[in-house]
C-alpha atoms as a PDB file:
ATOM      1  CA  MET A   1       0.000   0.000   0.000  1.00  0.00           C
ATOM      2  CA  LYS A   2       2.863   2.396   0.844  1.00  0.00           C
ATOM      3  CA  LYS A   3       4.474   1.741  -2.520  1.00  0.00           C
ATOM      4  CA  ILE A   4       1.194   2.467  -4.303  1.00  0.00           C
ATOM      5  CA  LEU A   5       0.739   5.756  -2.411  1.00  0.00           C
ATOM      6  CA  SER A   6       4.321   6.765  -3.185  1.00  0.00           C
ATOM      7  CA  ALA A   7       3.784   6.127  -6.886  1.00  0.00           C
ATOM      8  CA  ILE A   8       0.591   8.208  -6.891  1.00  0.00           C
ATOM      9  CA  LEU A   9       2.311  11.101  -5.082  1.00  0.00           C
ATOM     10  CA  ALA A  10       5.254  11.002  -7.482  1.00  0.00           C
ATOM     11  CA  GLY A  11       2.898  11.097 -10.452  1.00  0.00           C
ATOM     12  CA  THR A  12       0.990  14.022  -8.985  1.00  0.00           C
ATOM     13  CA  MET A  13       4.202  16.019  -8.440  1.00  0.00           C
ATOM     14  CA  MET A  14       5.317  15.394 -12.016  1.00  0.00           C
ATOM     15  CA  CYS A  15       1.944  16.586 -13.331  1.00  0.00           C
ATOM     16  CA  SER A  16       2.150  19.726 -11.171  1.00  0.00           C
ATOM     17  CA  MET A  17       5.630  20.479 -12.482  1.00  0.00           C
ATOM     18  CA  ALA A  18       4.487  19.946 -16.055  1.00  0.00           C
ATOM     19  CA  ILE A  19       1.572  22.306 -15.545  1.00  0.00           C
ATOM     20  CA  GLY A  20       3.850  24.858 -13.912  1.00  0.00           C
ATOM     21  CA  PHE A  21       6.271  24.788 -16.854  1.00  0.00           C
ATOM     22  CA  ALA A  22       3.388  25.057 -19.337  1.00  0.00           C
ATOM     23  CA  GLY A  23       2.060  28.144 -17.523  1.00  0.00           C
ATOM     24  CA  CYS A  24       5.431  29.885 -17.761  1.00  0.00           C
ATOM     25  CA  GLY A  25       6.352  28.638 -21.212  1.00  0.00           C
ATOM     26  CA  GLY A  26       7.184  31.102 -23.961  1.00  0.00           C
ATOM     27  CA  SER A  27       6.487  28.994 -27.014  1.00  0.00           C
ATOM     28  CA  GLY A  28       2.636  29.220 -26.987  1.00  0.00           C
ATOM     29  CA  GLU A  29      -0.083  31.861 -26.336  1.00  0.00           C
ATOM     30  CA  ALA A  30      -3.116  31.449 -24.123  1.00  0.00           C
ATOM     31  CA  SER A  31      -6.379  31.437 -26.053  1.00  0.00           C
ATOM     32  CA  LYS A  32      -8.492  34.624 -25.923  1.00  0.00           C
ATOM     33  CA  THR A  33     -12.247  34.854 -25.815  1.00  0.00           C
ATOM     34  CA  GLU A  34     -13.732  38.198 -26.895  1.00  0.00           C
ATOM     35  CA  THR A  35     -17.244  39.239 -25.996  1.00  0.00           C
ATOM     36  CA  THR A  36     -19.168  42.194 -27.287  1.00  0.00           C
ATOM     37  CA  ALA A  37     -20.816  44.132 -24.488  1.00  0.00           C
ATOM     38  CA  PRO A  38     -24.320  45.441 -25.146  1.00  0.00           C
ATOM     39  CA  ALA A  39     -24.736  49.174 -25.637  1.00  0.00           C
ATOM     40  CA  GLU A  40     -25.039  50.928 -22.303  1.00  0.00           C
ATOM     41  CA  THR A  41     -25.463  54.480 -21.051  1.00  0.00           C
ATOM     42  CA  LYS A  42     -23.007  55.818 -18.482  1.00  0.00           C
ATOM     43  CA  ALA A  43     -23.191  59.271 -16.945  1.00  0.00           C
ATOM     44  CA  VAL A  44     -19.905  60.945 -16.040  1.00  0.00           C
ATOM     45  CA  SER A  45     -19.092  64.316 -14.559  1.00  0.00           C
ATOM     46  CA  THR A  46     -17.860  67.297 -16.548  1.00  0.00           C
ATOM     47  CA  ALA A  47     -14.457  66.919 -14.911  1.00  0.00           C
ATOM     48  CA  ASP A  48     -14.241  63.286 -16.013  1.00  0.00           C
ATOM     49  CA  SER A  49     -15.414  64.062 -19.525  1.00  0.00           C
ATOM     50  CA  ALA A  50     -12.685  66.661 -19.922  1.00  0.00           C
ATOM     51  CA  THR A  51     -10.113  63.863 -19.861  1.00  0.00           C
ATOM     52  CA  LYS A  52     -11.803  61.891 -22.634  1.00  0.00           C
ATOM     53  CA  ASP A  53     -10.655  62.081 -26.226  1.00  0.00           C
ATOM     54  CA  SER A  54     -12.882  61.052 -29.097  1.00  0.00           C
ATOM     55  CA  ALA A  55      -9.822  59.586 -30.841  1.00  0.00           C
ATOM     56  CA  ASN A  56     -10.182  56.650 -28.449  1.00  0.00           C
ATOM     57  CA  LYS A  57     -13.487  55.575 -29.936  1.00  0.00           C
ATOM     58  CA  GLY A  58     -11.746  53.385 -32.483  1.00  0.00           C
ATOM     59  CA  GLU A  59      -9.954  51.528 -29.706  1.00  0.00           C
ATOM     60  CA  ASN A  60     -12.601  51.016 -27.054  1.00  0.00           C
ATOM     61  CA  GLY A  61     -15.781  51.201 -29.134  1.00  0.00           C
ATOM     62  CA  GLU A  62     -17.251  54.185 -27.264  1.00  0.00           C
ATOM     63  CA  LEU A  63     -18.975  57.308 -28.513  1.00  0.00           C
ATOM     64  CA  HIS A  64     -19.198  60.239 -26.118  1.00  0.00           C
ATOM     65  CA  MET A  65     -22.341  62.356 -26.176  1.00  0.00           C
ATOM     66  CA  ALA A  66     -22.165  65.840 -24.643  1.00  0.00           C
ATOM     67  CA  THR A  67     -25.396  67.009 -23.007  1.00  0.00           C
ATOM     68  CA  ASN A  68     -26.896  69.109 -20.237  1.00  0.00           C
ATOM     69  CA  ALA A  69     -29.024  66.699 -18.229  1.00  0.00           C
ATOM     70  CA  PHE A  70     -31.507  69.199 -16.822  1.00  0.00           C
ATOM     71  CA  PHE A  71     -33.881  69.424 -19.769  1.00  0.00           C
ATOM     72  CA  GLU A  72     -36.753  67.041 -19.074  1.00  0.00           C
ATOM     73  CA  PRO A  73     -38.034  65.092 -20.997  1.00  0.00           C
ATOM     74  CA  TYR A  74     -35.082  65.199 -23.421  1.00  0.00           C
ATOM     75  CA  GLU A  75     -32.368  64.480 -20.855  1.00  0.00           C
ATOM     76  CA  TYR A  76     -32.573  64.342 -17.075  1.00  0.00           C
ATOM     77  CA  TYR A  77     -31.450  62.270 -14.116  1.00  0.00           C
ATOM     78  CA  GLU A  78     -33.417  59.319 -12.849  1.00  0.00           C
ATOM     79  CA  ASN A  79     -31.476  58.382  -9.710  1.00  0.00           C
ATOM     80  CA  ASP A  80     -27.870  58.400 -10.996  1.00  0.00           C
ATOM     81  CA  LYS A  81     -28.671  57.582 -14.626  1.00  0.00           C
ATOM     82  CA  ILE A  82     -29.331  60.047 -17.433  1.00  0.00           C
ATOM     83  CA  VAL A  83     -32.548  59.177 -19.256  1.00  0.00           C
ATOM     84  CA  GLY A  84     -34.890  60.893 -21.696  1.00  0.00           C
ATOM     85  CA  ILE A  85     -35.666  61.253 -25.391  1.00  0.00           C
ATOM     86  CA  ASP A  86     -32.155  62.254 -26.465  1.00  0.00           C
ATOM     87  CA  ALA A  87     -30.491  59.629 -24.270  1.00  0.00           C
ATOM     88  CA  GLU A  88     -32.611  56.806 -25.743  1.00  0.00           C
ATOM     89  CA  ILE A  89     -32.310  57.952 -29.357  1.00  0.00           C
ATOM     90  CA  ALA A  90     -28.534  58.305 -28.922  1.00  0.00           C
ATOM     91  CA  GLU A  91     -28.323  54.812 -27.442  1.00  0.00           C
ATOM     92  CA  ALA A  92     -30.364  53.387 -30.335  1.00  0.00           C
ATOM     93  CA  ILE A  93     -28.039  55.110 -32.832  1.00  0.00           C
ATOM     94  CA  CYS A  94     -24.932  53.772 -31.075  1.00  0.00           C
ATOM     95  CA  ASP A  95     -26.460  50.301 -31.023  1.00  0.00           C
ATOM     96  CA  LYS A  96     -26.991  50.506 -34.802  1.00  0.00           C
ATOM     97  CA  LEU A  97     -23.388  51.617 -35.327  1.00  0.00           C
ATOM     98  CA  GLY A  98     -21.894  49.080 -32.923  1.00  0.00           C
ATOM     99  CA  TYR A  99     -20.669  51.511 -30.264  1.00  0.00           C
ATOM    100  CA  THR A 100     -21.194  51.864 -26.519  1.00  0.00           C
ATOM    101  CA  LEU A 101     -22.764  55.197 -25.558  1.00  0.00           C
ATOM    102  CA  VAL A 102     -21.159  57.314 -22.839  1.00  0.00           C
ATOM    103  CA  ILE A 103     -23.013  60.465 -21.780  1.00  0.00           C
ATOM    104  CA  ASP A 104     -20.957  63.415 -20.535  1.00  0.00           C
ATOM    105  CA  ASP A 105     -23.020  65.919 -18.527  1.00  0.00           C
ATOM    106  CA  MET A 106     -21.886  69.547 -18.718  1.00  0.00           C
ATOM    107  CA  ASP A 107     -23.167  73.130 -18.964  1.00  0.00           C
ATOM    108  CA  PHE A 108     -25.197  73.667 -22.124  1.00  0.00           C
ATOM    109  CA  ASP A 109     -22.904  76.374 -23.466  1.00  0.00           C
ATOM    110  CA  SER A 110     -19.913  73.984 -23.181  1.00  0.00           C
ATOM    111  CA  ILE A 111     -21.397  71.364 -25.526  1.00  0.00           C
ATOM    112  CA  ILE A 112     -20.359  72.870 -28.863  1.00  0.00           C
ATOM    113  CA  THR A 113     -16.841  73.534 -27.554  1.00  0.00           C
ATOM    114  CA  ALA A 114     -16.565  69.912 -26.357  1.00  0.00           C
ATOM    115  CA  VAL A 115     -17.596  68.656 -29.809  1.00  0.00           C
ATOM    116  CA  GLN A 116     -15.255  71.046 -31.613  1.00  0.00           C
ATOM    117  CA  SER A 117     -12.277  70.035 -29.447  1.00  0.00           C
ATOM    118  CA  GLY A 118     -12.945  66.298 -29.735  1.00  0.00           C
ATOM    119  CA  LYS A 119     -13.682  65.832 -26.035  1.00  0.00           C
ATOM    120  CA  ALA A 120     -17.105  64.603 -27.166  1.00  0.00           C
ATOM    121  CA  ASP A 121     -18.030  62.856 -30.408  1.00  0.00           C
ATOM    122  CA  PHE A 122     -21.426  64.510 -30.725  1.00  0.00           C
ATOM    123  CA  GLY A 123     -23.793  66.761 -28.822  1.00  0.00           C
ATOM    124  CA  MET A 124     -27.458  66.111 -28.146  1.00  0.00           C
ATOM    125  CA  ALA A 125     -29.388  68.315 -25.751  1.00  0.00           C
ATOM    126  CA  GLY A 126     -32.609  69.487 -27.322  1.00  0.00           C
ATOM    127  CA  MET A 127     -30.359  71.532 -29.607  1.00  0.00           C
ATOM    128  CA  THR A 128     -32.009  73.707 -32.217  1.00  0.00           C
ATOM    129  CA  VAL A 129     -30.547  74.042 -35.709  1.00  0.00           C
ATOM    130  CA  THR A 130     -29.560  77.675 -36.276  1.00  0.00           C
ATOM    131  CA  GLU A 131     -27.435  79.437 -38.896  1.00  0.00           C
ATOM    132  CA  GLU A 132     -25.214  80.822 -36.151  1.00  0.00           C
ATOM    133  CA  ARG A 133     -24.437  77.356 -34.772  1.00  0.00           C
ATOM    134  CA  LYS A 134     -23.840  75.986 -38.267  1.00  0.00           C
ATOM    135  CA  GLN A 135     -20.811  78.263 -38.488  1.00  0.00           C
ATOM    136  CA  ALA A 136     -19.182  76.376 -35.604  1.00  0.00           C
ATOM    137  CA  ILE A 137     -20.386  72.781 -36.046  1.00  0.00           C
ATOM    138  CA  ASP A 138     -22.327  70.521 -38.429  1.00  0.00           C
ATOM    139  CA  PHE A 139     -25.819  69.165 -37.798  1.00  0.00           C
ATOM    140  CA  THR A 140     -27.304  65.806 -38.668  1.00  0.00           C
ATOM    141  CA  ASP A 141     -30.806  65.427 -40.045  1.00  0.00           C
ATOM    142  CA  THR A 142     -33.460  66.613 -37.592  1.00  0.00           C
ATOM    143  CA  TYR A 143     -35.213  64.088 -35.383  1.00  0.00           C
ATOM    144  CA  THR A 144     -38.050  66.184 -33.914  1.00  0.00           C
ATOM    145  CA  ASN A 145     -39.712  69.603 -33.939  1.00  0.00           C
ATOM    146  CA  ALA A 146     -40.102  71.783 -30.868  1.00  0.00           C
ATOM    147  CA  VAL A 147     -41.718  75.026 -29.748  1.00  0.00           C
ATOM    148  CA  GLN A 148     -40.251  77.754 -27.562  1.00  0.00           C
ATOM    149  CA  VAL A 149     -42.812  79.150 -25.115  1.00  0.00           C
ATOM    150  CA  ILE A 150     -43.099  81.837 -22.444  1.00  0.00           C
ATOM    151  CA  ILE A 151     -43.670  81.006 -18.767  1.00  0.00           C
ATOM    152  CA  VAL A 152     -45.089  83.734 -16.517  1.00  0.00           C
ATOM    153  CA  LYS A 153     -46.698  84.028 -13.119  1.00  0.00           C
ATOM    154  CA  GLU A 154     -50.432  83.358 -13.212  1.00  0.00           C
ATOM    155  CA  GLY A 155     -52.321  86.639 -13.706  1.00  0.00           C
ATOM    156  CA  SER A 156     -49.193  88.541 -14.744  1.00  0.00           C
ATOM    157  CA  ASP A 157     -49.852  92.126 -15.846  1.00  0.00           C
ATOM    158  CA  LYS A 158     -46.269  92.615 -17.004  1.00  0.00           C
ATOM    159  CA  VAL A 159     -46.121  89.932 -19.745  1.00  0.00           C
ATOM    160  CA  LYS A 160     -49.313  88.862 -21.519  1.00  0.00           C
ATOM    161  CA  THR A 161     -47.998  88.512 -25.072  1.00  0.00           C
ATOM    162  CA  LYS A 162     -44.740  87.983 -26.910  1.00  0.00           C
ATOM    163  CA  ASP A 163     -44.438  91.714 -27.598  1.00  0.00           C
ATOM    164  CA  ASP A 164     -44.485  92.493 -23.862  1.00  0.00           C
ATOM    165  CA  LEU A 165     -41.063  90.858 -23.539  1.00  0.00           C
ATOM    166  CA  LYS A 166     -39.485  93.932 -25.102  1.00  0.00           C
ATOM    167  CA  THR A 167     -39.766  95.812 -21.808  1.00  0.00           C
ATOM    168  CA  ALA A 168     -39.524  92.890 -19.389  1.00  0.00           C
ATOM    169  CA  VAL A 169     -36.871  91.117 -17.331  1.00  0.00           C
ATOM    170  CA  ILE A 170     -36.486  87.774 -19.101  1.00  0.00           C
ATOM    171  CA  GLY A 171     -34.924  84.633 -17.668  1.00  0.00           C
ATOM    172  CA  VAL A 172     -33.235  82.139 -20.019  1.00  0.00           C
ATOM    173  CA  GLN A 173     -30.808  79.231 -19.894  1.00  0.00           C
ATOM    174  CA  MET A 174     -27.424  80.427 -21.084  1.00  0.00           C
ATOM    175  CA  GLY A 175     -26.489  79.444 -24.630  1.00  0.00           C
ATOM    176  CA  THR A 176     -29.913  78.111 -25.617  1.00  0.00           C
ATOM    177  CA  THR A 177     -31.969  79.332 -28.557  1.00  0.00           C
ATOM    178  CA  GLY A 178     -34.212  81.078 -26.032  1.00  0.00           C
ATOM    179  CA  ASP A 179     -31.140  83.087 -25.063  1.00  0.00           C
ATOM    180  CA  ILE A 180     -30.366  83.807 -28.721  1.00  0.00           C
ATOM    181  CA  TYR A 181     -33.928  84.849 -29.581  1.00  0.00           C
ATOM    182  CA  VAL A 182     -34.487  87.232 -26.671  1.00  0.00           C
ATOM    183  CA  SER A 183     -31.097  88.878 -27.118  1.00  0.00           C
ATOM    184  CA  ASP A 184     -32.694  90.926 -29.895  1.00  0.00           C
ATOM    185  CA  TYR A 185     -35.072  92.399 -27.316  1.00  0.00           C
ATOM    186  CA  GLU A 186     -32.258  94.040 -25.354  1.00  0.00           C
ATOM    187  CA  ALA A 187     -32.166  96.854 -27.891  1.00  0.00           C
ATOM    188  CA  ASP A 188     -35.842  97.556 -27.097  1.00  0.00           C
ATOM    189  CA  GLY A 189     -35.165  97.851 -23.357  1.00  0.00           C
ATOM    190  CA  ALA A 190     -35.516  94.269 -22.131  1.00  0.00           C
ATOM    191  CA  THR A 191     -33.178  92.943 -19.445  1.00  0.00           C
ATOM    192  CA  ILE A 192     -31.871  89.402 -19.935  1.00  0.00           C
ATOM    193  CA  GLU A 193     -30.960  87.293 -16.907  1.00  0.00           C
ATOM    194  CA  ARG A 194     -28.958  84.226 -17.943  1.00  0.00           C
ATOM    195  CA  PHE A 195     -28.774  81.031 -15.869  1.00  0.00           C
ATOM    196  CA  ASN A 196     -26.773  77.804 -16.177  1.00  0.00           C
ATOM    197  CA  LYS A 197     -29.936  75.718 -15.820  1.00  0.00           C
ATOM    198  CA  GLY A 198     -33.504  76.217 -16.979  1.00  0.00           C
ATOM    199  CA  ALA A 199     -34.664  75.251 -13.500  1.00  0.00           C
ATOM    200  CA  ASP A 200     -32.730  78.194 -12.032  1.00  0.00           C
ATOM    201  CA  ALA A 201     -34.469  80.588 -14.427  1.00  0.00           C
ATOM    202  CA  VAL A 202     -37.884  79.190 -13.429  1.00  0.00           C
ATOM    203  CA  LEU A 203     -36.989  79.503  -9.731  1.00  0.00           C
ATOM    204  CA  ALA A 204     -36.098  83.158 -10.319  1.00  0.00           C
ATOM    205  CA  LEU A 205     -39.524  83.639 -11.921  1.00  0.00           C
ATOM    206  CA  ALA A 206     -41.284  82.029  -8.964  1.00  0.00           C
ATOM    207  CA  GLN A 207     -39.334  84.329  -6.623  1.00  0.00           C
ATOM    208  CA  GLY A 208     -40.282  87.422  -8.644  1.00  0.00           C
ATOM    209  CA  LYS A 209     -36.733  88.143  -9.806  1.00  0.00           C
ATOM    210  CA  VAL A 210     -37.683  87.935 -13.515  1.00  0.00           C
ATOM    211  CA  ASP A 211     -40.967  88.657 -15.326  1.00  0.00           C
ATOM    212  CA  ALA A 212     -40.909  85.695 -17.725  1.00  0.00           C
ATOM    213  CA  VAL A 213     -38.879  82.675 -18.836  1.00  0.00           C
ATOM    214  CA  VAL A 214     -38.428  81.610 -22.469  1.00  0.00           C
ATOM    215  CA  ILE A 215     -37.789  77.875 -22.833  1.00  0.00           C
ATOM    216  CA  ASP A 216     -38.771  74.760 -24.806  1.00  0.00           C
ATOM    217  CA  ASN A 217     -42.402  73.686 -24.459  1.00  0.00           C
ATOM    218  CA  GLU A 218     -41.833  70.209 -23.004  1.00  0.00           C
ATOM    219  CA  PRO A 219     -39.507  71.229 -20.162  1.00  0.00           C
ATOM    220  CA  ALA A 220     -41.843  74.193 -19.620  1.00  0.00           C
ATOM    221  CA  LYS A 221     -44.724  71.787 -18.965  1.00  0.00           C
ATOM    222  CA  ALA A 222     -42.653  69.924 -16.379  1.00  0.00           C
ATOM    223  CA  PHE A 223     -41.570  73.143 -14.640  1.00  0.00           C
ATOM    224  CA  VAL A 224     -45.131  74.501 -14.490  1.00  0.00           C
ATOM    225  CA  ALA A 225     -46.385  71.202 -13.072  1.00  0.00           C
ATOM    226  CA  GLN A 226     -43.736  71.392 -10.356  1.00  0.00           C
ATOM    227  CA  ASN A 227     -44.253  75.072  -9.475  1.00  0.00           C
ATOM    228  CA  GLU A 228     -47.712  76.221  -8.435  1.00  0.00           C
ATOM    229  CA  GLY A 229     -48.711  79.658  -9.670  1.00  0.00           C
ATOM    230  CA  LEU A 230     -46.835  79.504 -12.998  1.00  0.00           C
ATOM    231  CA  VAL A 231     -48.494  79.232 -16.422  1.00  0.00           C
ATOM    232  CA  ILE A 232     -47.479  78.986 -20.085  1.00  0.00           C
ATOM    233  CA  LEU A 233     -48.791  81.668 -22.443  1.00  0.00           C
ATOM    234  CA  ASP A 234     -50.990  80.330 -25.249  1.00  0.00           C
ATOM    235  CA  GLU A 235     -49.027  82.196 -27.914  1.00  0.00           C
ATOM    236  CA  PRO A 236     -45.931  80.204 -29.048  1.00  0.00           C
ATOM    237  CA  PHE A 237     -42.695  82.146 -28.975  1.00  0.00           C
ATOM    238  CA  GLU A 238     -40.824  80.299 -31.770  1.00  0.00           C
ATOM    239  CA  ASN A 239     -40.958  77.028 -33.736  1.00  0.00           C
ATOM    240  CA  GLU A 240     -37.719  75.121 -34.234  1.00  0.00           C
ATOM    241  CA  GLU A 241     -36.079  71.803 -35.208  1.00  0.00           C
ATOM    242  CA  TYR A 242     -33.806  69.624 -33.065  1.00  0.00           C
ATOM    243  CA  ALA A 243     -30.749  67.789 -34.443  1.00  0.00           C
ATOM    244  CA  ILE A 244     -27.456  66.250 -33.327  1.00  0.00           C
ATOM    245  CA  CYS A 245     -24.330  68.389 -33.544  1.00  0.00           C
ATOM    246  CA  VAL A 246     -20.980  66.981 -34.714  1.00  0.00           C
ATOM    247  CA  ALA A 247     -17.593  68.467 -35.527  1.00  0.00           C
ATOM    248  CA  LYS A 248     -17.156  70.178 -38.880  1.00  0.00           C
ATOM    249  CA  GLY A 249     -16.453  67.611 -41.593  1.00  0.00           C
ATOM    250  CA  SER A 250     -16.848  64.652 -39.219  1.00  0.00           C
ATOM    251  CA  GLU A 251     -17.404  61.217 -40.776  1.00  0.00           C
ATOM    252  CA  LEU A 252     -19.978  60.637 -38.029  1.00  0.00           C
ATOM    253  CA  THR A 253     -22.507  62.898 -39.752  1.00  0.00           C
ATOM    254  CA  GLU A 254     -23.162  60.396 -42.544  1.00  0.00           C
ATOM    255  CA  LYS A 255     -23.070  57.418 -40.179  1.00  0.00           C
ATOM    256  CA  ILE A 256     -25.499  58.971 -37.700  1.00  0.00           C
ATOM    257  CA  ASN A 257     -27.831  60.062 -40.505  1.00  0.00           C
ATOM    258  CA  GLY A 258     -27.904  56.494 -41.809  1.00  0.00           C
ATOM    259  CA  ALA A 259     -28.721  55.058 -38.392  1.00  0.00           C
ATOM    260  CA  LEU A 260     -31.265  57.796 -37.732  1.00  0.00           C
ATOM    261  CA  ALA A 261     -33.020  57.162 -41.057  1.00  0.00           C
ATOM    262  CA  ALA A 262     -33.285  53.447 -40.250  1.00  0.00           C
ATOM    263  CA  LEU A 263     -34.661  54.179 -36.770  1.00  0.00           C
ATOM    264  CA  LYS A 264     -37.251  56.557 -38.213  1.00  0.00           C
ATOM    265  CA  GLU A 265     -38.324  53.976 -40.790  1.00  0.00           C
ATOM    266  CA  GLU A 266     -38.657  51.346 -38.062  1.00  0.00           C
ATOM    267  CA  GLY A 267     -40.809  53.714 -36.010  1.00  0.00           C
ATOM    268  CA  LYS A 268     -38.288  53.655 -33.162  1.00  0.00           C
ATOM    269  CA  VAL A 269     -37.810  57.436 -32.981  1.00  0.00           C
ATOM    270  CA  ASP A 270     -41.565  58.058 -32.698  1.00  0.00           C
ATOM    271  CA  GLU A 271     -41.816  55.258 -30.137  1.00  0.00           C
ATOM    272  CA  ILE A 272     -39.173  56.909 -27.936  1.00  0.00           C
ATOM    273  CA  ILE A 273     -40.689  60.393 -28.257  1.00  0.00           C
ATOM    274  CA  ASN A 274     -44.208  59.118 -27.501  1.00  0.00           C
ATOM    275  CA  LYS A 275     -42.867  57.331 -24.435  1.00  0.00           C
ATOM    276  CA  TYR A 276     -41.904  60.661 -22.885  1.00  0.00           C
ATOM    277  CA  ILE A 277     -44.377  63.053 -24.508  1.00  0.00           C
ATOM    278  CA  LYS A 278     -47.971  62.000 -24.230  1.00  0.00           C
ATOM    279  CA  ALA A 279     -50.368  63.188 -26.938  1.00  0.00           C
END
């Protein structure tokens, strides 16, 4: 019995040595198994996003989307995740193109700069197509239409129509089309108060620090629902189209347009919009 046990132990030691040599050997390579992760949405801070470079997208399969996540229902936080119309459409586009979506949250007026510098691959934040912006970046095909509206305090005597803005104190989110549109009113005597977030402009209205706020209709509905005593004027302020911004001459423009066209044809874009905006 002792001899048998000794033989077994000797055999085991030889096997262990053989395995050890195989693990350290230089003549062969270990086999690699690659898996493709499903598209996912990750929110990162502005400070983190500043370290990203879109040149990495070819290596790690990521596309970085610059946004301002305080524009419900287009982009906003649900717990620690950024959700909304733009977030879902962007994820569907990235899925079509075979990339993982990473969302970089920043001030709205930093988005175009981030796209120009390559810190972000594209920008999507309820962004209106304007001739002024076209001078700095390119736009994809539009994916939805929007309306700028005016929020006032219920029963306001100061602002009852669009024309009354010419002599009012107007609150806007800095860098938005609302900001661009009302800038023309400064020559007529209007005072423009600019805020980093639309919510801050609405808070100023509720506190009586501004007479009106000009903002997109859908976020306006959410703000009015959350703040008693505020109403939206019946008269629209401006009609506009939303699109995705990319760097001048970027190859992404054609790729995104192709994916967007397919998603429209499939009814996916309407499905996402209807999910957040009820008829």
